């Protein structure tokens, strides 16, 4: 493997374990480009054939909210309970949605 270079980006890695499921964030790694990030992600995060699909995204391309903004960001949704399906019973036979 090539030596680490300061110009390498940090990539966030998402793996889909099987069809029908969402990709899940599994970690981060350094790589010079997307192709190498995919190969490194495969080698690091799918050693036991855990995945069927890999996404890599440059960390710098991800925008997120800060935990201390939680109250102001999510407060408007709290007064609209109809948006939250917490009062529905989902039958066990439905499985993963």
Foldseek 3Di string as FASTA:
>chain_A
DDDDDPQWFKKWKWFDQDPPDDTDTDGIDTDNDDVVRVVVCCVPPCPPVRGDDMDIDGPVPDDDDDPVCVCVVCVVVVVVCVVPPPVDDDDVVVPDD
